[in-house]
């Protein structure tokens, strides 16, 4: 599940469940929609992500790259250590600001 909300200055994605190869069919449409909004701030709420593989990481990387080209920022809220590791292995962790102060209300990864 990926939900998008928009404000005048930001786009927020709330991701739930698996962000992986099985979900890849929706990535191109989501990427086009989000990039078309041209907002300088992308916030990805990952509190409810249960699993992310390299396909999911590639989706996030493409979004962060597009935001960076506009001079904007991509921020990750509630990222689990395992998902942070996936981005690190992909060599893309530096593309994101990690909001370590974000407290998830209901986390899919309470002790991950």
PDB file of N, CA and C in Angstrom:
ATOM      1  N   UNK A   1       0.828  -1.159   0.000  1.00  0.00           N
ATOM      2  CA  UNK A   1       0.000   0.000   0.000  1.00  0.00           C
ATOM      3  C   UNK A   1       0.891   1.246   0.000  1.00  0.00           C
ATOM      4  N   UNK A   2       0.585   2.156  -0.897  1.00  0.00           N
ATOM      5  CA  UNK A   2       1.285   3.431  -0.926  1.00  0.00           C
ATOM      6  C   UNK A   2       0.222   4.519  -1.042  1.00  0.00           C
ATOM      7  N   UNK A   3       0.173   5.394  -0.061  1.00  0.00           N
ATOM      8  CA  UNK A   3      -0.750   6.520  -0.078  1.00  0.00           C
ATOM      9  C   UNK A   3       0.053   7.802  -0.243  1.00  0.00           C
ATOM     10  N   UNK A   4      -0.482   8.720  -1.027  1.00  0.00           N
ATOM     11  CA  UNK A   4       0.192   9.984  -1.299  1.00  0.00           C
ATOM     12  C   UNK A   4      -0.674  11.124  -0.801  1.00  0.00           C
ATOM     13  N   UNK A   5      -0.052  12.026  -0.047  1.00  0.00           N
ATOM     14  CA  UNK A   5      -0.711  13.266   0.336  1.00  0.00           C
ATOM     15  C   UNK A   5       0.188  14.414  -0.103  1.00  0.00           C
ATOM     16  N   UNK A   6      -0.449  15.522  -0.440  1.00  0.00           N
ATOM     17  CA  UNK A   6       0.275  16.654  -1.004  1.00  0.00           C
ATOM     18  C   UNK A   6      -0.049  17.923  -0.231  1.00  0.00           C
ATOM     19  N   UNK A   7       0.982  18.712   0.026  1.00  0.00           N
ATOM     20  CA  UNK A   7       0.818  20.050   0.582  1.00  0.00           C
ATOM     21  C   UNK A   7       1.468  21.016  -0.404  1.00  0.00           C
ATOM     22  N   UNK A   8       1.378  22.305  -0.173  1.00  0.00           N
ATOM     23  CA  UNK A   8       2.010  23.250  -1.107  1.00  0.00           C
ATOM     24  C   UNK A   8       3.521  23.076  -1.246  1.00  0.00           C
ATOM     25  N   UNK A   9       4.178  22.519  -0.229  1.00  0.00           N
ATOM     26  CA  UNK A   9       5.645  22.404  -0.281  1.00  0.00           C
ATOM     27  C   UNK A   9       6.164  20.981  -0.227  1.00  0.00           C
ATOM     28  N   UNK A  10       5.280  19.994  -0.023  1.00  0.00           N
ATOM     29  CA  UNK A  10       5.785  18.630   0.151  1.00  0.00           C
ATOM     30  C   UNK A  10       4.839  17.587  -0.422  1.00  0.00           C
ATOM     31  N   UNK A  11       5.421  16.419  -0.633  1.00  0.00           N
ATOM     32  CA  UNK A  11       4.678  15.208  -0.959  1.00  0.00           C
ATOM     33  C   UNK A  11       5.039  14.199   0.118  1.00  0.00           C
ATOM     34  N   UNK A  12       4.022  13.572   0.689  1.00  0.00           N
ATOM     35  CA  UNK A  12       4.252  12.552   1.701  1.00  0.00           C
ATOM     36  C   UNK A  12       3.729  11.223   1.194  1.00  0.00           C
ATOM     37  N   UNK A  13       4.579  10.214   1.240  1.00  0.00           N
ATOM     38  CA  UNK A  13       4.194   8.848   0.906  1.00  0.00           C
ATOM     39  C   UNK A  13       4.110   8.078   2.200  1.00  0.00           C
ATOM     40  N   UNK A  14       3.001   7.424   2.415  1.00  0.00           N
ATOM     41  CA  UNK A  14       2.870   6.511   3.532  1.00  0.00           C
ATOM     42  C   UNK A  14       2.881   5.114   2.926  1.00  0.00           C
ATOM     43  N   UNK A  15       3.899   4.359   3.288  1.00  0.00           N
ATOM     44  CA  UNK A  15       4.092   3.029   2.713  1.00  0.00           C
ATOM     45  C   UNK A  15       3.764   1.990   3.770  1.00  0.00           C
ATOM     46  N   UNK A  16       2.961   1.006   3.391  1.00  0.00           N
ATOM     47  CA  UNK A  16       2.617  -0.071   4.299  1.00  0.00           C
ATOM     48  C   UNK A  16       2.785  -1.415   3.627  1.00  0.00           C
ATOM     49  N   UNK A  17       3.119  -2.409   4.409  1.00  0.00           N
ATOM     50  CA  UNK A  17       3.309  -3.742   3.851  1.00  0.00           C
ATOM     51  C   UNK A  17       4.669  -3.875   3.204  1.00  0.00           C
ATOM     52  N   UNK A  18       4.721  -4.697   2.165  1.00  0.00           N
ATOM     53  CA  UNK A  18       5.980  -4.956   1.482  1.00  0.00           C
ATOM     54  C   UNK A  18       6.232  -3.936   0.376  1.00  0.00           C
ATOM     55  N   UNK A  19       7.450  -3.465   0.306  1.00  0.00           N
ATOM     56  CA  UNK A  19       7.897  -2.574  -0.763  1.00  0.00           C
ATOM     57  C   UNK A  19       8.952  -3.375  -1.529  1.00  0.00           C
ATOM     58  N   UNK A  20       8.464  -4.173  -2.481  1.00  0.00           N
ATOM     59  CA  UNK A  20       9.351  -5.147  -3.101  1.00  0.00           C
ATOM     60  C   UNK A  20       8.986  -5.421  -4.549  1.00  0.00           C
ATOM     61  N   UNK A  21       9.625  -6.407  -5.128  1.00  0.00           N
ATOM     62  CA  UNK A  21       9.458  -6.783  -6.520  1.00  0.00           C
ATOM     63  C   UNK A  21       7.996  -7.050  -6.867  1.00  0.00           C
ATOM     64  N   UNK A  22       7.241  -7.597  -5.957  1.00  0.00           N
ATOM     65  CA  UNK A  22       5.833  -7.895  -6.209  1.00  0.00           C
ATOM     66  C   UNK A  22       4.998  -6.629  -6.401  1.00  0.00           C
ATOM     67  N   UNK A  23       5.470  -5.507  -5.890  1.00  0.00           N
ATOM     68  CA  UNK A  23       4.761  -4.236  -5.994  1.00  0.00           C
ATOM     69  C   UNK A  23       5.263  -3.366  -7.136  1.00  0.00           C
ATOM     70  N   UNK A  24       6.254  -3.828  -7.879  1.00  0.00           N
ATOM     71  CA  UNK A  24       6.938  -2.994  -8.865  1.00  0.00           C
ATOM     72  C   UNK A  24       6.046  -2.445  -9.964  1.00  0.00           C
ATOM     73  N   UNK A  25       4.933  -3.109 -10.262  1.00  0.00           N
ATOM     74  CA  UNK A  25       4.049  -2.626 -11.326  1.00  0.00           C
ATOM     75  C   UNK A  25       3.488  -1.236 -11.043  1.00  0.00           C
ATOM     76  N   UNK A  26       3.353  -0.878  -9.784  1.00  0.00           N
ATOM     77  CA  UNK A  26       2.816   0.443  -9.453  1.00  0.00           C
ATOM     78  C   UNK A  26       3.895   1.521  -9.357  1.00  0.00           C
ATOM     79  N   UNK A  27       5.174   1.134  -9.351  1.00  0.00           N
ATOM     80  CA  UNK A  27       6.254   2.111  -9.184  1.00  0.00           C
ATOM     81  C   UNK A  27       6.323   3.149 -10.305  1.00  0.00           C
ATOM     82  N   UNK A  28       6.241   2.772 -11.591  1.00  0.00           N
ATOM     83  CA  UNK A  28       6.341   3.805 -12.644  1.00  0.00           C
ATOM     84  C   UNK A  28       5.234   4.859 -12.568  1.00  0.00           C
ATOM     85  N   UNK A  29       4.014   4.431 -12.328  1.00  0.00           N
ATOM     86  CA  UNK A  29       2.896   5.376 -12.224  1.00  0.00           C
ATOM     87  C   UNK A  29       3.063   6.293 -11.015  1.00  0.00           C
ATOM     88  N   UNK A  30       3.443   5.706  -9.884  1.00  0.00           N
ATOM     89  CA  UNK A  30       3.668   6.501  -8.670  1.00  0.00           C
ATOM     90  C   UNK A  30       4.808   7.493  -8.871  1.00  0.00           C
ATOM     91  N   UNK A  31       5.878   7.042  -9.499  1.00  0.00           N
ATOM     92  CA  UNK A  31       7.027   7.910  -9.743  1.00  0.00           C
ATOM     93  C   UNK A  31       6.629   9.088 -10.623  1.00  0.00           C
ATOM     94  N   UNK A  32       5.906   8.823 -11.693  1.00  0.00           N
ATOM     95  CA  UNK A  32       5.460   9.895 -12.589  1.00  0.00           C
ATOM     96  C   UNK A  32       4.542  10.872 -11.856  1.00  0.00           C
ATOM     97  N   UNK A  33       3.638  10.341 -11.061  1.00  0.00           N
ATOM     98  CA  UNK A  33       2.705  11.202 -10.317  1.00  0.00           C
ATOM     99  C   UNK A  33       3.449  12.105  -9.330  1.00  0.00           C
ATOM    100  N   UNK A  34       4.352  11.512  -8.576  1.00  0.00           N
ATOM    101  CA  UNK A  34       5.075  12.271  -7.551  1.00  0.00           C
ATOM    102  C   UNK A  34       6.016  13.291  -8.186  1.00  0.00           C
ATOM    103  N   UNK A  35       6.740  12.877  -9.223  1.00  0.00           N
ATOM    104  CA  UNK A  35       7.647  13.809  -9.897  1.00  0.00           C
ATOM    105  C   UNK A  35       6.887  14.939 -10.581  1.00  0.00           C
ATOM    106  N   UNK A  36       5.704  14.645 -11.076  1.00  0.00           N
ATOM    107  CA  UNK A  36       4.889  15.669 -11.717  1.00  0.00           C
ATOM    108  C   UNK A  36       4.422  16.756 -10.764  1.00  0.00           C
ATOM    109  N   UNK A  37       4.398  16.465  -9.494  1.00  0.00           N
ATOM    110  CA  UNK A  37       3.955  17.451  -8.500  1.00  0.00           C
ATOM    111  C   UNK A  37       5.011  18.522  -8.238  1.00  0.00           C
ATOM    112  N   UNK A  38       6.280  18.211  -8.517  1.00  0.00           N
ATOM    113  CA  UNK A  38       7.377  19.177  -8.424  1.00  0.00           C
ATOM    114  C   UNK A  38       7.517  19.836  -7.050  1.00  0.00           C
ATOM    115  N   UNK A  39       7.322  19.085  -5.986  1.00  0.00           N
ATOM    116  CA  UNK A  39       7.475  19.634  -4.634  1.00  0.00           C
ATOM    117  C   UNK A  39       8.928  19.493  -4.184  1.00  0.00           C
ATOM    118  N   UNK A  40       9.428  20.457  -3.397  1.00  0.00           N
ATOM    119  CA  UNK A  40      10.830  20.415  -2.967  1.00  0.00           C
ATOM    120  C   UNK A  40      11.117  19.437  -1.825  1.00  0.00           C
ATOM    121  N   UNK A  41      10.080  18.950  -1.162  1.00  0.00           N
ATOM    122  CA  UNK A  41      10.284  18.042  -0.035  1.00  0.00           C
ATOM    123  C   UNK A  41       9.491  16.767  -0.266  1.00  0.00           C
ATOM    124  N   UNK A  42      10.187  15.644  -0.183  1.00  0.00           N
ATOM    125  CA  UNK A  42       9.559  14.326  -0.245  1.00  0.00           C
ATOM    126  C   UNK A  42       9.748  13.670   1.106  1.00  0.00           C
ATOM    127  N   UNK A  43       8.651  13.305   1.739  1.00  0.00           N
ATOM    128  CA  UNK A  43       8.692  12.604   3.020  1.00  0.00           C
ATOM    129  C   UNK A  43       8.132  11.207   2.789  1.00  0.00           C
ATOM    130  N   UNK A  44       8.892  10.210   3.166  1.00  0.00           N
ATOM    131  CA  UNK A  44       8.445   8.826   3.043  1.00  0.00           C
ATOM    132  C   UNK A  44       8.283   8.254   4.443  1.00  0.00           C
ATOM    133  N   UNK A  45       7.037   7.978   4.812  1.00  0.00           N
ATOM    134  CA  UNK A  45       6.732   7.388   6.112  1.00  0.00           C
ATOM    135  C   UNK A  45       6.790   5.871   5.957  1.00  0.00           C
ATOM    136  N   UNK A  46       7.802   5.269   6.569  1.00  0.00           N
ATOM    137  CA  UNK A  46       8.036   3.831   6.434  1.00  0.00           C
ATOM    138  C   UNK A  46       7.679   3.050   7.701  1.00  0.00           C
ATOM    139  N   UNK A  47       6.893   3.665   8.578  1.00  0.00           N
ATOM    140  CA  UNK A  47       6.556   3.028   9.852  1.00  0.00           C
ATOM    141  C   UNK A  47       5.859   1.682   9.683  1.00  0.00           C
ATOM    142  N   UNK A  48       5.120   1.526   8.601  1.00  0.00           N
ATOM    143  CA  UNK A  48       4.335   0.303   8.422  1.00  0.00           C
ATOM    144  C   UNK A  48       4.927  -0.642   7.370  1.00  0.00           C
ATOM    145  N   UNK A  49       6.162  -0.389   6.952  1.00  0.00           N
ATOM    146  CA  UNK A  49       6.809  -1.273   5.983  1.00  0.00           C
ATOM    147  C   UNK A  49       7.224  -2.558   6.695  1.00  0.00           C
ATOM    148  N   UNK A  50       6.827  -3.686   6.119  1.00  0.00           N
ATOM    149  CA  UNK A  50       7.167  -4.975   6.709  1.00  0.00           C
ATOM    150  C   UNK A  50       8.378  -5.615   6.048  1.00  0.00           C
ATOM    151  N   UNK A  51       8.652  -5.224   4.784  1.00  0.00           N
ATOM    152  CA  UNK A  51       9.787  -5.780   4.061  1.00  0.00           C
ATOM    153  C   UNK A  51      10.107  -4.865   2.889  1.00  0.00           C
ATOM    154  N   UNK A  52      11.402  -4.666   2.626  1.00  0.00           N
ATOM    155  CA  UNK A  52      11.826  -3.915   1.447  1.00  0.00           C
ATOM    156  C   UNK A  52      13.007  -4.635   0.815  1.00  0.00           C
ATOM    157  N   UNK A  53      12.933  -4.843  -0.503  1.00  0.00           N
ATOM    158  CA  UNK A  53      14.054  -5.431  -1.220  1.00  0.00           C
ATOM    159  C   UNK A  53      14.678  -4.370  -2.127  1.00  0.00           C
ATOM    160  N   UNK A  54      15.573  -4.798  -3.011  1.00  0.00           N
ATOM    161  CA  UNK A  54      16.261  -3.841  -3.876  1.00  0.00           C
ATOM    162  C   UNK A  54      15.317  -3.156  -4.863  1.00  0.00           C
ATOM    163  N   UNK A  55      14.219  -3.818  -5.242  1.00  0.00           N
ATOM    164  CA  UNK A  55      13.240  -3.172  -6.127  1.00  0.00           C
ATOM    165  C   UNK A  55      12.570  -1.999  -5.408  1.00  0.00           C
ATOM    166  N   UNK A  56      12.204  -2.209  -4.153  1.00  0.00           N
ATOM    167  CA  UNK A  56      11.627  -1.125  -3.358  1.00  0.00           C
ATOM    168  C   UNK A  56      12.632  -0.018  -3.126  1.00  0.00           C
ATOM    169  N   UNK A  57      13.875  -0.405  -2.856  1.00  0.00           N
ATOM    170  CA  UNK A  57      14.929   0.589  -2.680  1.00  0.00           C
ATOM    171  C   UNK A  57      15.125   1.384  -3.969  1.00  0.00           C
ATOM    172  N   UNK A  58      15.089   0.707  -5.110  1.00  0.00           N
ATOM    173  CA  UNK A  58      15.232   1.396  -6.398  1.00  0.00           C
ATOM    174  C   UNK A  58      14.136   2.424  -6.620  1.00  0.00           C
ATOM    175  N   UNK A  59      12.929   2.099  -6.206  1.00  0.00           N
ATOM    176  CA  UNK A  59      11.803   3.035  -6.289  1.00  0.00           C
ATOM    177  C   UNK A  59      12.094   4.279  -5.455  1.00  0.00           C
ATOM    178  N   UNK A  60      12.507   4.081  -4.209  1.00  0.00           N
ATOM    179  CA  UNK A  60      12.815   5.217  -3.337  1.00  0.00           C
ATOM    180  C   UNK A  60      13.996   6.019  -3.866  1.00  0.00           C
ATOM    181  N   UNK A  61      14.989   5.331  -4.402  1.00  0.00           N
ATOM    182  CA  UNK A  61      16.170   5.998  -4.951  1.00  0.00           C
ATOM    183  C   UNK A  61      15.792   6.871  -6.141  1.00  0.00           C
ATOM    184  N   UNK A  62      14.929   6.364  -7.008  1.00  0.00           N
ATOM    185  CA  UNK A  62      14.520   7.170  -8.169  1.00  0.00           C
ATOM    186  C   UNK A  62      13.755   8.414  -7.735  1.00  0.00           C
ATOM    187  N   UNK A  63      12.926   8.280  -6.723  1.00  0.00           N
ATOM    188  CA  UNK A  63      12.196   9.449  -6.205  1.00  0.00           C
ATOM    189  C   UNK A  63      13.159  10.461  -5.586  1.00  0.00           C
ATOM    190  N   UNK A  64      14.098   9.974  -4.778  1.00  0.00           N
ATOM    191  CA  UNK A  64      15.063  10.864  -4.129  1.00  0.00           C
ATOM    192  C   UNK A  64      15.942  11.557  -5.163  1.00  0.00           C
ATOM    193  N   UNK A  65      16.322  10.843  -6.204  1.00  0.00           N
ATOM    194  CA  UNK A  65      17.135  11.437  -7.261  1.00  0.00           C
ATOM    195  C   UNK A  65      16.412  12.557  -7.981  1.00  0.00           C
ATOM    196  N   UNK A  66      15.137  12.348  -8.259  1.00  0.00           N
ATOM    197  CA  UNK A  66      14.356  13.384  -8.936  1.00  0.00           C
ATOM    198  C   UNK A  66      14.182  14.617  -8.054  1.00  0.00           C
ATOM    199  N   UNK A  67      13.947  14.398  -6.767  1.00  0.00           N
ATOM    200  CA  UNK A  67      13.810  15.519  -5.830  1.00  0.00           C
ATOM    201  C   UNK A  67      15.135  16.278  -5.731  1.00  0.00           C
ATOM    202  N   UNK A  68      16.230  15.554  -5.672  1.00  0.00           N
ATOM    203  CA  UNK A  68      17.553  16.192  -5.583  1.00  0.00           C
ATOM    204  C   UNK A  68      17.854  17.021  -6.824  1.00  0.00           C
ATOM    205  N   UNK A  69      17.441  16.559  -7.993  1.00  0.00           N
ATOM    206  CA  UNK A  69      17.660  17.329  -9.223  1.00  0.00           C
ATOM    207  C   UNK A  69      16.938  18.666  -9.180  1.00  0.00           C
ATOM    208  N   UNK A  70      15.851  18.738  -8.434  1.00  0.00           N
ATOM    209  CA  UNK A  70      15.111  19.996  -8.273  1.00  0.00           C
ATOM    210  C   UNK A  70      15.650  20.823  -7.112  1.00  0.00           C
ATOM    211  N   UNK A  71      16.700  20.319  -6.468  1.00  0.00           N
ATOM    212  CA  UNK A  71      17.268  21.019  -5.318  1.00  0.00           C
ATOM    213  C   UNK A  71      16.538  20.727  -4.030  1.00  0.00           C
ATOM    214  N   UNK A  72      15.714  19.684  -4.028  1.00  0.00           N
ATOM    215  CA  UNK A  72      14.917  19.355  -2.858  1.00  0.00           C
ATOM    216  C   UNK A  72      15.553  18.298  -1.986  1.00  0.00           C
ATOM    217  N   UNK A  73      14.756  17.806  -1.044  1.00  0.00           N
ATOM    218  CA  UNK A  73      15.225  16.880  -0.024  1.00  0.00           C
ATOM    219  C   UNK A  73      14.267  15.703   0.096  1.00  0.00           C
ATOM    220  N   UNK A  74      14.808  14.515   0.296  1.00  0.00           N
ATOM    221  CA  UNK A  74      14.022  13.316   0.587  1.00  0.00           C
ATOM    222  C   UNK A  74      14.299  12.899   2.023  1.00  0.00           C
ATOM    223  N   UNK A  75      13.242  12.734   2.789  1.00  0.00           N
ATOM    224  CA  UNK A  75      13.354  12.397   4.214  1.00  0.00           C
ATOM    225  C   UNK A  75      12.629  11.082   4.465  1.00  0.00           C
ATOM    226  N   UNK A  76      13.258  10.206   5.231  1.00  0.00           N
ATOM    227  CA  UNK A  76      12.649   8.940   5.617  1.00  0.00           C
ATOM    228  C   UNK A  76      12.250   8.993   7.086  1.00  0.00           C
ATOM    229  N   UNK A  77      10.982   8.710   7.355  1.00  0.00           N
ATOM    230  CA  UNK A  77      10.466   8.609   8.726  1.00  0.00           C
ATOM    231  C   UNK A  77      10.272   7.142   9.049  1.00  0.00           C
ATOM    232  N   UNK A  78      10.652   6.747  10.229  1.00  0.00           N
ATOM    233  CA  UNK A  78      10.323   5.421  10.732  1.00  0.00           C
ATOM    234  C   UNK A  78      10.965   4.275   9.985  1.00  0.00           C
ATOM    235  N   UNK A  79      12.138   4.471   9.444  1.00  0.00           N
ATOM    236  CA  UNK A  79      12.800   3.399   8.713  1.00  0.00           C
ATOM    237  C   UNK A  79      13.417   2.395   9.682  1.00  0.00           C
ATOM    238  N   UNK A  80      13.166   1.129   9.423  1.00  0.00           N
ATOM    239  CA  UNK A  80      13.733   0.066  10.255  1.00  0.00           C
ATOM    240  C   UNK A  80      15.203  -0.124   9.897  1.00  0.00           C
ATOM    241  N   UNK A  81      15.993  -0.583  10.828  1.00  0.00           N
ATOM    242  CA  UNK A  81      17.414  -0.830  10.546  1.00  0.00           C
ATOM    243  C   UNK A  81      17.642  -1.744   9.338  1.00  0.00           C
ATOM    244  N   UNK A  82      16.798  -2.757   9.171  1.00  0.00           N
ATOM    245  CA  UNK A  82      16.968  -3.678   8.036  1.00  0.00           C
ATOM    246  C   UNK A  82      16.759  -2.958   6.704  1.00  0.00           C
ATOM    247  N   UNK A  83      15.807  -2.011   6.653  1.00  0.00           N
ATOM    248  CA  UNK A  83      15.544  -1.270   5.416  1.00  0.00           C
ATOM    249  C   UNK A  83      16.626  -0.222   5.170  1.00  0.00           C
ATOM    250  N   UNK A  84      17.120   0.351   6.237  1.00  0.00           N
ATOM    251  CA  UNK A  84      18.247   1.271   6.130  1.00  0.00           C
ATOM    252  C   UNK A  84      19.467   0.534   5.568  1.00  0.00           C
ATOM    253  N   UNK A  85      19.644  -0.704   5.989  1.00  0.00           N
ATOM    254  CA  UNK A  85      20.747  -1.527   5.488  1.00  0.00           C
ATOM    255  C   UNK A  85      20.606  -1.780   3.984  1.00  0.00           C
ATOM    256  N   UNK A  86      19.393  -2.025   3.517  1.00  0.00           N
ATOM    257  CA  UNK A  86      19.167  -2.244   2.084  1.00  0.00           C
ATOM    258  C   UNK A  86      19.611  -1.017   1.298  1.00  0.00           C
ATOM    259  N   UNK A  87      19.233   0.180   1.766  1.00  0.00           N
ATOM    260  CA  UNK A  87      19.652   1.408   1.076  1.00  0.00           C
ATOM    261  C   UNK A  87      21.165   1.595   1.148  1.00  0.00           C
ATOM    262  N   UNK A  88      21.746   1.211   2.262  1.00  0.00           N
ATOM    263  CA  UNK A  88      23.205   1.319   2.405  1.00  0.00           C
ATOM    264  C   UNK A  88      23.914   0.384   1.426  1.00  0.00           C
ATOM    265  N   UNK A  89      23.438  -0.855   1.315  1.00  0.00           N
ATOM    266  CA  UNK A  89      24.034  -1.823   0.397  1.00  0.00           C
ATOM    267  C   UNK A  89      23.901  -1.336  -1.051  1.00  0.00           C
ATOM    268  N   UNK A  90      22.793  -0.659  -1.343  1.00  0.00           N
ATOM    269  CA  UNK A  90      22.583  -0.107  -2.691  1.00  0.00           C
ATOM    270  C   UNK A  90      23.440   1.138  -2.940  1.00  0.00           C
ATOM    271  N   UNK A  91      24.130   1.610  -1.907  1.00  0.00           N
ATOM    272  CA  UNK A  91      24.977   2.793  -2.047  1.00  0.00           C
ATOM    273  C   UNK A  91      24.188   4.082  -2.131  1.00  0.00           C
ATOM    274  N   UNK A  92      22.999   4.094  -1.560  1.00  0.00           N
ATOM    275  CA  UNK A  92      22.113   5.247  -1.730  1.00  0.00           C
ATOM    276  C   UNK A  92      21.683   5.907  -0.424  1.00  0.00           C
ATOM    277  N   UNK A  93      22.193   5.462   0.680  1.00  0.00           N
ATOM    278  CA  UNK A  93      21.741   6.001   1.958  1.00  0.00           C
ATOM    279  C   UNK A  93      21.962   7.507   2.052  1.00  0.00           C
ATOM    280  N   UNK A  94      23.052   8.004   1.451  1.00  0.00           N
ATOM    281  CA  UNK A  94      23.350   9.440   1.521  1.00  0.00           C
ATOM    282  C   UNK A  94      22.367  10.295   0.725  1.00  0.00           C
ATOM    283  N   UNK A  95      21.507   9.676  -0.063  1.00  0.00           N
ATOM    284  CA  UNK A  95      20.502  10.425  -0.824  1.00  0.00           C
ATOM    285  C   UNK A  95      19.340  10.883   0.053  1.00  0.00           C
ATOM    286  N   UNK A  96      19.288  10.351   1.263  1.00  0.00           N
ATOM    287  CA  UNK A  96      18.153  10.584   2.154  1.00  0.00           C
ATOM    288  C   UNK A  96      18.592  11.206   3.467  1.00  0.00           C
ATOM    289  N   UNK A  97      17.711  12.021   4.014  1.00  0.00           N
ATOM    290  CA  UNK A  97      17.849  12.422   5.407  1.00  0.00           C
ATOM    291  C   UNK A  97      17.013  11.426   6.204  1.00  0.00           C
ATOM    292  N   UNK A  98      17.571  10.920   7.270  1.00  0.00           N
ATOM    293  CA  UNK A  98      16.855   9.977   8.133  1.00  0.00           C
ATOM    294  C   UNK A  98      16.360  10.748   9.346  1.00  0.00           C
ATOM    295  N   UNK A  99      15.051  10.762   9.528  1.00  0.00           N
ATOM    296  CA  UNK A  99      14.460  11.431  10.685  1.00  0.00           C
ATOM    297  C   UNK A  99      14.465  10.452  11.850  1.00  0.00           C
ATOM    298  N   UNK A 100      15.507  10.510  12.645  1.00  0.00           N
ATOM    299  CA  UNK A 100      15.657   9.579  13.763  1.00  0.00           C
ATOM    300  C   UNK A 100      14.799   9.987  14.962  1.00  0.00           C
ATOM    301  N   UNK A 101      14.245  11.188  14.937  1.00  0.00           N
ATOM    302  CA  UNK A 101      13.395  11.644  16.034  1.00  0.00           C
ATOM    303  C   UNK A 101      11.931  11.263  15.825  1.00  0.00           C
ATOM    304  N   UNK A 102      11.602  10.785  14.629  1.00  0.00           N
ATOM    305  CA  UNK A 102      10.217  10.422  14.327  1.00  0.00           C
ATOM    306  C   UNK A 102       9.806   9.218  15.164  1.00  0.00           C
ATOM    307  N   UNK A 103       8.682   9.327  15.822  1.00  0.00           N
ATOM    308  CA  UNK A 103       8.144   8.218  16.615  1.00  0.00           C
ATOM    309  C   UNK A 103       6.895   7.690  15.921  1.00  0.00           C
ATOM    310  N   UNK A 104       6.962   6.465  15.440  1.00  0.00           N
ATOM    311  CA  UNK A 104       5.830   5.858  14.756  1.00  0.00           C
ATOM    312  C   UNK A 104       4.735   5.533  15.759  1.00  0.00           C
ATOM    313  N   UNK A 105       3.487   5.796  15.352  1.00  0.00           N
ATOM    314  CA  UNK A 105       2.368   5.451  16.232  1.00  0.00           C
ATOM    315  C   UNK A 105       2.175   3.942  16.287  1.00  0.00           C
ATOM    316  N   UNK A 106       2.060   3.327  15.134  1.00  0.00           N
ATOM    317  CA  UNK A 106       1.924   1.877  15.036  1.00  0.00           C
ATOM    318  C   UNK A 106       3.025   1.382  14.112  1.00  0.00           C
ATOM    319  N   UNK A 107       4.009   0.735  14.660  1.00  0.00           N
ATOM    320  CA  UNK A 107       5.105   0.302  13.811  1.00  0.00           C
ATOM    321  C   UNK A 107       4.971  -1.156  13.422  1.00  0.00           C
ATOM    322  N   UNK A 108       5.357  -1.422  12.188  1.00  0.00           N
ATOM    323  CA  UNK A 108       5.409  -2.794  11.718  1.00  0.00           C
ATOM    324  C   UNK A 108       6.705  -3.454  12.158  1.00  0.00           C
ATOM    325  N   UNK A 109       7.630  -2.644  12.630  1.00  0.00           N
ATOM    326  CA  UNK A 109       8.946  -3.165  13.018  1.00  0.00           C
ATOM    327  C   UNK A 109       9.304  -2.690  14.419  1.00  0.00           C
ATOM    328  N   UNK A 110       8.567  -3.137  15.443  1.00  0.00           N
ATOM    329  CA  UNK A 110       8.796  -2.642  16.790  1.00  0.00           C
ATOM    330  C   UNK A 110      10.184  -2.898  17.351  1.00  0.00           C
ATOM    331  N   UNK A 111      10.835  -3.960  16.934  1.00  0.00           N
ATOM    332  CA  UNK A 111      12.167  -4.227  17.490  1.00  0.00           C
ATOM    333  C   UNK A 111      13.180  -4.540  16.412  1.00  0.00           C
ATOM    334  N   UNK A 112      12.864  -4.194  15.177  1.00  0.00           N
ATOM    335  CA  UNK A 112      13.765  -4.525  14.064  1.00  0.00           C
ATOM    336  C   UNK A 112      15.053  -3.749  14.119  1.00  0.00           C
TER     337      UNK A 112
END
